[in-house]
Each structure stands twice: as structure tokens, then as C-alpha cells.
Amino acid sequence: MFSFLKGNSISTTELQQMLNSKPVVIDVREKAEFTTGHIPSAKNIPLGKMSSYQLKENKPVYVICQSGMRSRQAVKKLKAKGIDAINVKGGMSAWRGAVRGGKL
């Protein structure tokens, strides 16, 4: 169904195992959602601001939202800019790791 993402997504468990290597994590939820709880190292760039935002990363960027729908859209936009973006399947709804902010 989402063949354009084949090979361009990881699970929340896989991302959690990578956190010690300090991956670039972008949370595309709105600020109010982000403040209710987010991955401690995540940067908040709401999906609506993604097209105008310029990332200066030379390594993969992991994109997360609440369920995985907005992050898929963000990955598509970032890939169009030539950025190696990877969707985090299931989003924060599936995240079982540490969070900063409120409780999910």
C-alpha cells in the first residue's frame, strides 16, 4: 500500500535501541502535542512547517508523529529535498521508551 516507504521505516523499538548513537529525531506533531510527551532528543518541527524548514543533517533523519500518518507525509517531503528521512512506524502511540514532558 505504501510502497514508496518500503525500506524507509523502522519500528519504535529499533529507534529506541539507536538512541545511544544520538540519531537525529524530528517529531512532526504540533507543539501542544509535543509538550505532552516526546522522545528526549527529538526536535519539534510541526508537519505544517516542514516544507519551509531547512535541515542541515548529513546523516539519516528519523521522523515520528503520534501514529505514523503525518511522519509518512513528512518523510515524503524531506526525501523530495534530498534528505535521507526514515519513518518511525506507529509513532508515539507505539513508543515505550523514555519521554520528556507530560505522560503519553
Protein backbone atom coordinates (compact mmCIF):
# COMPACT_ATOMS: atom_id res chain seq x y z
CA MET A 1 0.00 0.00 0.00
CA PHE A 2 2.74 2.50 0.93
CA SER A 3 5.38 1.10 -1.38
CA PHE A 4 7.23 4.43 -1.55
CA LEU A 5 8.30 3.83 2.05
CA LYS A 6 9.48 0.25 1.65
CA GLY A 7 12.85 0.09 3.37
CA ASN A 8 12.41 3.64 4.68
CA SER A 9 10.81 2.89 8.02
CA ILE A 10 11.80 1.46 11.37
CA SER A 11 9.90 0.39 14.48
CA THR A 12 9.89 2.37 17.70
CA THR A 13 11.86 -0.48 19.30
CA GLU A 14 14.59 -0.16 16.64
CA LEU A 15 14.76 3.61 17.20
CA GLN A 16 14.93 3.15 20.96
CA GLN A 17 17.92 0.81 20.53
CA MET A 18 19.68 3.51 18.47
CA LEU A 19 19.29 6.39 20.93
CA ASN A 20 22.80 5.97 22.40
CA SER A 21 24.24 6.80 18.97
CA LYS A 22 22.40 10.15 19.05
CA PRO A 23 20.27 9.88 15.89
CA VAL A 24 18.51 12.97 14.54
CA VAL A 25 14.85 12.59 15.58
CA ILE A 26 12.21 15.00 14.32
CA ASP A 27 8.75 15.00 15.89
CA VAL A 28 6.25 16.48 13.41
CA ARG A 29 3.34 16.80 15.84
CA GLU A 30 2.01 20.22 16.78
CA LYS A 31 3.75 21.97 19.69
CA ALA A 32 0.87 21.26 22.10
CA GLU A 33 1.11 17.54 21.32
CA PHE A 34 4.90 17.58 21.59
CA THR A 35 4.81 19.13 25.06
CA THR A 36 2.54 16.35 26.34
CA GLY A 37 5.45 13.93 25.94
CA HIS A 38 8.23 13.33 23.43
CA ILE A 39 11.45 11.41 22.90
CA PRO A 40 14.06 13.35 24.94
CA SER A 41 16.39 14.02 21.99
CA ALA A 42 13.62 14.86 19.50
CA LYS A 43 13.35 18.24 17.81
CA ASN A 44 9.83 19.55 17.21
CA ILE A 45 9.10 20.68 13.65
CA PRO A 46 5.33 20.53 13.02
CA LEU A 47 4.34 19.00 9.68
CA GLY A 48 2.85 22.31 8.50
CA LYS A 49 6.28 23.96 8.84
CA MET A 50 8.24 21.07 7.34
CA SER A 51 8.26 22.32 3.73
CA SER A 52 9.88 25.64 4.66
CA TYR A 53 12.34 24.17 7.16
CA GLN A 54 15.91 23.55 6.03
CA LEU A 55 17.67 20.65 7.68
CA LYS A 56 21.43 20.66 7.74
CA GLU A 57 22.00 17.00 8.51
CA ASN A 58 24.40 14.72 6.70
CA LYS A 59 23.02 11.61 8.34
CA PRO A 60 19.63 9.88 8.39
CA VAL A 61 16.74 11.75 9.98
CA TYR A 62 14.13 9.72 11.89
CA VAL A 63 10.64 11.20 11.73
CA ILE A 64 7.92 10.47 14.29
CA CYS A 65 4.39 11.73 14.97
CA GLN A 66 1.51 10.35 17.05
CA SER A 67 0.51 7.35 14.89
CA GLY A 68 2.73 7.37 11.80
CA MET A 69 0.47 9.17 9.34
CA ARG A 70 2.00 12.67 9.50
CA SER A 71 5.51 11.28 9.70
CA ARG A 72 4.96 9.43 6.41
CA GLN A 73 3.95 12.72 4.80
CA ALA A 74 7.00 14.45 6.30
CA VAL A 75 9.33 11.71 5.05
CA LYS A 76 7.99 12.20 1.54
CA LYS A 77 8.62 15.98 1.75
CA LEU A 78 12.12 15.52 3.16
CA LYS A 79 13.08 12.93 0.55
CA ALA A 80 11.97 15.38 -2.15
CA LYS A 81 14.60 17.76 -0.70
CA GLY A 82 17.25 15.05 -0.91
CA ILE A 83 17.28 14.28 2.83
CA ASP A 84 17.66 10.67 3.98
CA ALA A 85 14.44 10.51 6.03
CA ILE A 86 13.10 7.41 7.77
CA ASN A 87 9.59 6.99 9.14
CA VAL A 88 9.10 5.65 12.68
CA LYS A 89 6.20 3.19 12.39
CA GLY A 90 3.42 3.50 14.95
CA GLY A 91 4.62 6.88 16.22
CA MET A 92 4.44 7.95 19.83
CA SER A 93 1.40 5.70 20.30
CA ALA A 94 3.79 2.74 19.96
CA TRP A 95 6.74 4.33 21.82
CA ARG A 96 7.63 2.54 25.07
CA GLY A 97 10.89 4.34 25.82
CA ALA A 98 11.64 7.36 27.97
CA VAL A 99 9.70 10.55 27.37
CA ARG A 100 10.28 14.16 28.31
CA GLY A 101 7.31 16.35 29.11
CA GLY A 102 3.91 15.03 30.11
CA LYS A 103 2.71 11.45 30.02
CA LEU A 104 1.51 9.74 26.87
